[in-house]
Amino acid sequence: MAKNKNLGQGLGALLTPSKSSLEDFSQSSILISKIKPNPNQPRKSFENKSLKQLAQSIEEKGLISPITVKQIENKYIIVAGERRYRAHKLLNKKRILAYVIDAKSNKDIMYMALIENIQREDLNPIEEAKGFKYLQDNLKSSITEIAKTVGKSRPAVSNTLRLLKLPGQIQESILKGDINAGQARVILQNKTSQGMVRLWKKLLKEKISVRKTESLVLKSNRVSPQLQSVQNSLSRLIGERVIIKQNNKNKKGFIKISFDKKTVNRVLDKLKSIKPD
């Protein structure tokens, strides 16, 4: 399978025609009726109010940035720009300006959609996590490949994927914007689903900040502030959940690092890369 040589260079490299790639790109006015949304589009939430505002802007000023599509037979699949496509439909437009791009594979299309949404900061953390998970499970992408392509660190991608370990109702709460990713990551420090849900409900009821949420977890887990700080630093460094346990009497304890068969080698490599004092 040929890999798009522009992947990992940002959305501009993927979607902007250049003299050296004119054979791969063309700009056309395409019938709306021939365009279909990408079924694997990472963004699932399209707020009606913001779509109407976008439609009004397009009506007044025109479409500043064409959408991007891939042609499949006599139809077109949206790679980037579904909000602009939806806004055109609201306006009952018959056509929309689009770049027709030669994406070599479904993996390329998924990466392009992710990159566009991430660069525009349009994705909710759960949508982003599900996009990464789709690349992992369906397109066999490693965390390293995902991180390199979308321009994030491996721990950042791992920490985003960890959000999918939250109970479904908490994930839904993140999608609605009730809590943010920082609060969600603190909730993940609870050992059980029941503990996560209890803290989440308390957070919603009392409008607790990230800092106070951390304090509540500290209290419930009985970890000293110093150990909690080390625990958080290790979690960010390794990109997996880290738990430090210490006996208050004899001060003995252990460090637990969570991983699975897909991440074990990366965790071991990360540990090996840590330089001794």
Protein backbone atom coordinates (compact mmCIF):
# COMPACT_ATOMS: atom_id res chain seq x y z
CA MET A 1 0.00 0.00 0.00
CA ALA A 2 1.47 3.36 -0.99
CA LYS A 3 1.68 5.89 1.80
CA ASN A 4 0.90 9.54 1.22
CA LYS A 5 4.34 11.19 1.38
CA ASN A 6 2.83 14.37 2.79
CA LEU A 7 1.39 12.72 5.91
CA GLY A 8 3.01 14.14 9.03
CA GLN A 9 3.71 17.52 7.40
CA GLY A 10 0.46 19.17 8.48
CA LEU A 11 -2.81 19.81 6.75
CA GLY A 12 -1.37 22.40 4.37
CA ALA A 13 1.01 19.87 2.85
CA LEU A 14 -1.86 17.45 2.41
CA LEU A 15 -4.47 19.74 0.95
CA THR A 16 -2.75 22.63 -0.81
CA PRO A 17 -1.85 22.15 -4.48
CA SER A 18 1.75 22.84 -5.45
CA LYS A 19 3.64 22.86 -8.73
CA SER A 20 5.14 19.47 -7.92
CA SER A 21 1.80 17.85 -7.11
CA LEU A 22 -0.68 19.29 -9.57
CA GLU A 23 -1.36 15.80 -10.89
CA ASP A 24 -2.65 14.82 -7.40
CA PHE A 25 -4.92 17.81 -6.83
CA SER A 26 -7.72 19.52 -8.70
CA GLN A 27 -10.28 22.10 -7.61
CA SER A 28 -13.84 21.67 -8.78
CA SER A 29 -17.39 22.89 -8.25
CA ILE A 30 -19.16 19.68 -7.25
CA LEU A 31 -22.85 18.86 -6.98
CA ILE A 32 -23.87 18.57 -3.32
CA SER A 33 -25.99 15.54 -4.24
CA LYS A 34 -22.85 13.63 -5.27
CA ILE A 35 -21.07 14.18 -1.94
CA LYS A 36 -21.26 11.82 1.05
CA PRO A 37 -19.88 12.43 4.56
CA ASN A 38 -17.04 10.20 5.69
CA PRO A 39 -18.66 7.45 7.84
CA ASN A 40 -15.50 7.37 9.96
CA GLN A 41 -15.34 11.12 10.48
CA PRO A 42 -13.84 11.57 13.97
CA ARG A 43 -16.06 14.54 14.71
CA LYS A 44 -19.57 13.36 15.59
CA SER A 45 -21.08 16.49 17.18
CA PHE A 46 -22.26 19.33 14.94
CA GLU A 47 -23.90 22.13 16.92
CA ASN A 48 -26.89 23.54 15.06
CA LYS A 49 -26.30 27.13 16.22
CA SER A 50 -22.70 27.23 15.01
CA LEU A 51 -23.70 25.63 11.70
CA LYS A 52 -26.27 28.39 11.15
CA GLN A 53 -23.62 31.01 11.94
CA LEU A 54 -21.25 29.38 9.45
CA ALA A 55 -24.01 29.26 6.84
CA GLN A 56 -24.69 32.98 7.35
CA SER A 57 -20.98 33.75 6.96
CA ILE A 58 -20.78 31.71 3.74
CA GLU A 59 -23.92 33.42 2.41
CA GLU A 60 -22.43 36.87 3.07
CA LYS A 61 -18.75 36.32 2.22
CA GLY A 62 -18.66 33.12 0.20
CA LEU A 63 -16.68 29.95 0.89
CA ILE A 64 -13.15 31.03 1.82
CA SER A 65 -11.65 27.54 2.10
CA PRO A 66 -12.89 24.74 -0.22
CA ILE A 67 -13.70 21.36 1.30
CA THR A 68 -11.56 18.35 0.43
CA VAL A 69 -12.97 15.15 -1.07
CA LYS A 70 -11.86 11.84 -2.55
CA GLN A 71 -13.60 10.60 -5.68
CA ILE A 72 -14.95 7.05 -5.62
CA GLU A 73 -16.57 6.18 -8.95
CA ASN A 74 -19.16 8.92 -9.55
CA LYS A 75 -19.42 9.95 -5.89
CA TYR A 76 -17.21 11.94 -3.52
CA ILE A 77 -16.31 11.19 0.12
CA ILE A 78 -15.56 14.14 2.40
CA VAL A 79 -12.01 14.11 3.73
CA ALA A 80 -12.11 17.55 5.38
CA GLY A 81 -14.82 20.19 5.67
CA GLU A 82 -18.03 18.44 6.74
CA ARG A 83 -19.23 21.56 8.62
CA ARG A 84 -18.87 23.64 5.45
CA TYR A 85 -20.72 20.92 3.51
CA ARG A 86 -23.54 20.91 6.08
CA ALA A 87 -23.73 24.71 6.02
CA HIS A 88 -24.14 24.61 2.22
CA LYS A 89 -27.00 22.14 2.63
CA LEU A 90 -28.66 24.50 5.11
CA LEU A 91 -28.46 27.20 2.45
CA ASN A 92 -29.93 24.81 -0.15
CA LYS A 93 -26.87 25.28 -2.32
CA LYS A 94 -26.60 22.97 -5.31
CA ARG A 95 -22.81 23.00 -5.57
CA ILE A 96 -19.74 23.46 -3.39
CA LEU A 97 -16.12 24.24 -4.23
CA ALA A 98 -13.80 21.34 -3.36
CA TYR A 99 -10.28 20.02 -3.72
CA VAL A 100 -10.35 16.53 -5.20
CA ILE A 101 -7.46 14.72 -3.57
CA ASP A 102 -5.81 11.42 -4.41
CA ALA A 103 -5.85 9.73 -1.00
CA LYS A 104 -4.22 6.33 -1.43
CA SER A 105 -6.03 4.53 1.36
CA ASN A 106 -8.69 4.70 4.06
CA LYS A 107 -5.85 5.28 6.53
CA ASP A 108 -4.82 8.43 4.64
CA ILE A 109 -8.41 9.70 4.67
CA MET A 110 -8.74 9.08 8.41
CA TYR A 111 -5.44 10.80 9.16
CA MET A 112 -6.38 13.82 7.05
CA ALA A 113 -9.74 14.16 8.81
CA LEU A 114 -8.06 13.91 12.21
CA ILE A 115 -5.34 16.41 11.33
CA GLU A 116 -7.85 18.92 10.01
CA ASN A 117 -10.01 18.75 13.12
CA ILE A 118 -7.05 18.81 15.51
CA GLN A 119 -5.46 21.81 13.82
CA ARG A 120 -8.78 23.65 13.87
CA GLU A 121 -9.24 22.57 17.53
CA ASP A 122 -12.72 21.32 16.59
CA LEU A 123 -12.54 17.88 18.17
CA ASN A 124 -13.88 17.03 21.57
CA PRO A 125 -11.32 14.93 23.56
CA ILE A 126 -13.54 11.85 23.36
CA GLU A 127 -13.98 12.25 19.60
CA GLU A 128 -10.21 12.57 19.28
CA ALA A 129 -9.69 9.47 21.44
CA LYS A 130 -12.17 7.47 19.34
CA GLY A 131 -10.40 8.62 16.19
CA PHE A 132 -7.07 7.37 17.54
CA LYS A 133 -8.72 4.12 18.66
CA TYR A 134 -10.18 3.57 15.18
CA LEU A 135 -6.71 4.01 13.67
CA GLN A 136 -5.31 1.53 16.19
CA ASP A 137 -7.92 -1.18 15.89
CA ASN A 138 -9.12 -0.96 12.30
CA LEU A 139 -6.13 0.43 10.42
CA LYS A 140 -3.38 -1.16 12.56
CA SER A 141 -1.63 2.12 13.37
CA SER A 142 0.80 2.16 16.29
CA ILE A 143 0.74 4.92 18.89
CA THR A 144 4.11 6.08 17.55
CA GLU A 145 2.74 6.35 14.00
CA ILE A 146 -0.38 8.21 15.16
CA ALA A 147 1.65 10.63 17.28
CA LYS A 148 4.10 11.40 14.48
CA THR A 149 1.39 11.92 11.89
CA VAL A 150 -0.94 14.16 13.90
CA GLY A 151 1.91 16.14 15.47
CA LYS A 152 1.52 15.06 19.09
CA SER A 153 3.81 13.27 21.55
CA ARG A 154 3.32 9.57 22.24
CA PRO A 155 2.33 10.23 25.89
CA ALA A 156 -0.24 12.80 24.70
CA VAL A 157 -1.83 10.25 22.36
CA SER A 158 -1.72 7.57 25.09
CA ASN A 159 -3.30 9.90 27.65
CA THR A 160 -6.07 10.77 25.19
CA LEU A 161 -6.75 7.08 24.53
CA ARG A 162 -6.98 6.47 28.29
CA LEU A 163 -10.14 8.60 28.36
CA LEU A 164 -11.94 5.68 26.72
CA LYS A 165 -11.38 3.69 29.94
CA LEU A 166 -13.86 5.99 31.69
CA PRO A 167 -17.43 4.72 32.22
CA GLY A 168 -19.76 5.55 29.33
CA GLN A 169 -21.75 8.18 31.22
CA ILE A 170 -18.57 10.11 32.01
CA GLN A 171 -17.46 9.94 28.36
CA GLU A 172 -20.86 11.31 27.37
CA SER A 173 -20.39 14.11 29.91
CA ILE A 174 -17.09 15.07 28.25
CA LEU A 175 -18.79 15.07 24.84
CA LYS A 176 -21.42 17.48 26.18
CA GLY A 177 -18.75 19.76 27.60
CA ASP A 178 -19.85 19.22 31.22
CA ILE A 179 -16.26 18.41 32.24
CA ASN A 180 -12.94 18.91 30.48
CA ALA A 181 -10.11 16.52 29.66
CA GLY A 182 -8.03 17.69 32.64
CA GLN A 183 -10.81 16.83 35.07
CA ALA A 184 -11.40 13.52 33.28
CA ARG A 185 -7.74 12.51 33.59
CA VAL A 186 -7.90 13.16 37.32
CA ILE A 187 -11.06 11.04 37.59
CA LEU A 188 -9.13 8.20 35.91
CA GLN A 189 -6.84 8.03 38.93
CA ASN A 190 -9.66 6.33 40.87
CA LYS A 191 -9.25 2.57 41.08
CA THR A 192 -12.83 1.55 40.34
CA SER A 193 -15.64 2.57 38.01
CA GLN A 194 -17.81 3.24 41.06
CA GLY A 195 -15.17 5.59 42.45
CA MET A 196 -14.91 7.39 39.11
CA VAL A 197 -18.68 7.87 38.92
CA ARG A 198 -18.89 9.13 42.51
CA LEU A 199 -16.19 11.73 41.92
CA TRP A 200 -17.74 12.73 38.58
CA LYS A 201 -21.16 13.32 40.18
CA LYS A 202 -19.57 15.36 42.97
CA LEU A 203 -17.62 17.36 40.39
CA LEU A 204 -20.80 18.16 38.43
CA LYS A 205 -22.81 19.05 41.51
CA GLU A 206 -20.21 21.31 43.10
CA LYS A 207 -18.55 22.68 39.93
CA ILE A 208 -15.14 21.58 41.18
CA SER A 209 -11.95 22.77 39.45
CA VAL A 210 -9.16 20.47 38.22
CA ARG A 211 -6.98 21.40 41.19
CA LYS A 212 -9.70 20.60 43.72
CA THR A 213 -10.53 17.38 41.87
CA GLU A 214 -6.89 16.36 42.28
CA SER A 215 -7.12 17.11 46.00
CA LEU A 216 -10.21 14.91 46.32
CA VAL A 217 -8.47 12.03 44.56
CA LEU A 218 -5.44 12.55 46.77
CA LYS A 219 -7.63 12.31 49.84
CA SER A 220 -9.55 9.26 48.65
CA ASN A 221 -6.39 7.42 47.60
CA ARG A 222 -4.46 8.53 50.68
CA VAL A 223 -1.39 9.52 48.70
CA SER A 224 0.85 12.31 49.92
CA PRO A 225 1.05 15.45 47.75
CA GLN A 226 4.71 14.67 47.04
CA LEU A 227 3.99 11.14 45.83
CA GLN A 228 0.96 12.34 43.88
CA SER A 229 3.16 14.84 42.05
CA VAL A 230 5.67 12.10 41.19
CA GLN A 231 2.82 9.79 40.16
CA ASN A 232 1.36 12.41 37.81
CA SER A 233 4.78 13.19 36.32
CA LEU A 234 5.47 9.51 35.64
CA SER A 235 2.03 9.05 34.06
CA ARG A 236 2.68 11.95 31.67
CA LEU A 237 6.20 10.72 30.89
CA ILE A 238 5.26 7.10 30.19
CA GLY A 239 1.82 7.75 28.74
CA GLU A 240 0.14 5.11 30.90
CA ARG A 241 -1.51 5.07 34.32
CA VAL A 242 1.04 4.97 37.17
CA ILE A 243 0.11 4.20 40.79
CA ILE A 244 2.48 4.63 43.73
CA LYS A 245 1.65 2.82 46.97
CA GLN A 246 3.48 3.45 50.24
CA ASN A 247 2.99 2.11 53.75
CA ASN A 248 2.75 5.08 56.10
CA LYS A 249 4.45 3.19 58.94
CA ASN A 250 7.52 1.60 57.36
CA LYS A 251 7.54 3.81 54.25
CA LYS A 252 7.91 0.76 51.99
CA GLY A 253 5.84 0.47 48.83
CA PHE A 254 5.75 -0.15 45.10
CA ILE A 255 5.16 1.56 41.75
CA LYS A 256 2.53 0.04 39.44
CA ILE A 257 2.55 0.86 35.71
CA SER A 258 -0.47 -0.14 33.63
CA PHE A 259 0.06 -1.49 30.10
CA ASP A 260 -1.28 -4.08 27.69
CA LYS A 261 0.15 -6.26 24.95
CA LYS A 262 0.01 -3.38 22.49
CA THR A 263 1.89 -0.92 24.70
CA VAL A 264 4.29 -3.11 26.71
CA ASN A 265 7.25 -2.64 24.34
CA ARG A 266 6.77 1.12 24.21
CA VAL A 267 6.58 1.31 28.02
CA LEU A 268 9.77 -0.76 28.35
CA ASP A 269 11.57 1.40 25.77
CA LYS A 270 10.48 4.51 27.65
CA LEU A 271 11.81 3.13 30.93
CA LYS A 272 15.10 2.16 29.30
CA SER A 273 15.49 5.68 27.92
CA ILE A 274 15.40 7.27 31.40
CA LYS A 275 18.94 8.31 32.28
CA PRO A 276 20.28 7.44 35.75
CA ASP A 277 21.34 10.25 38.07
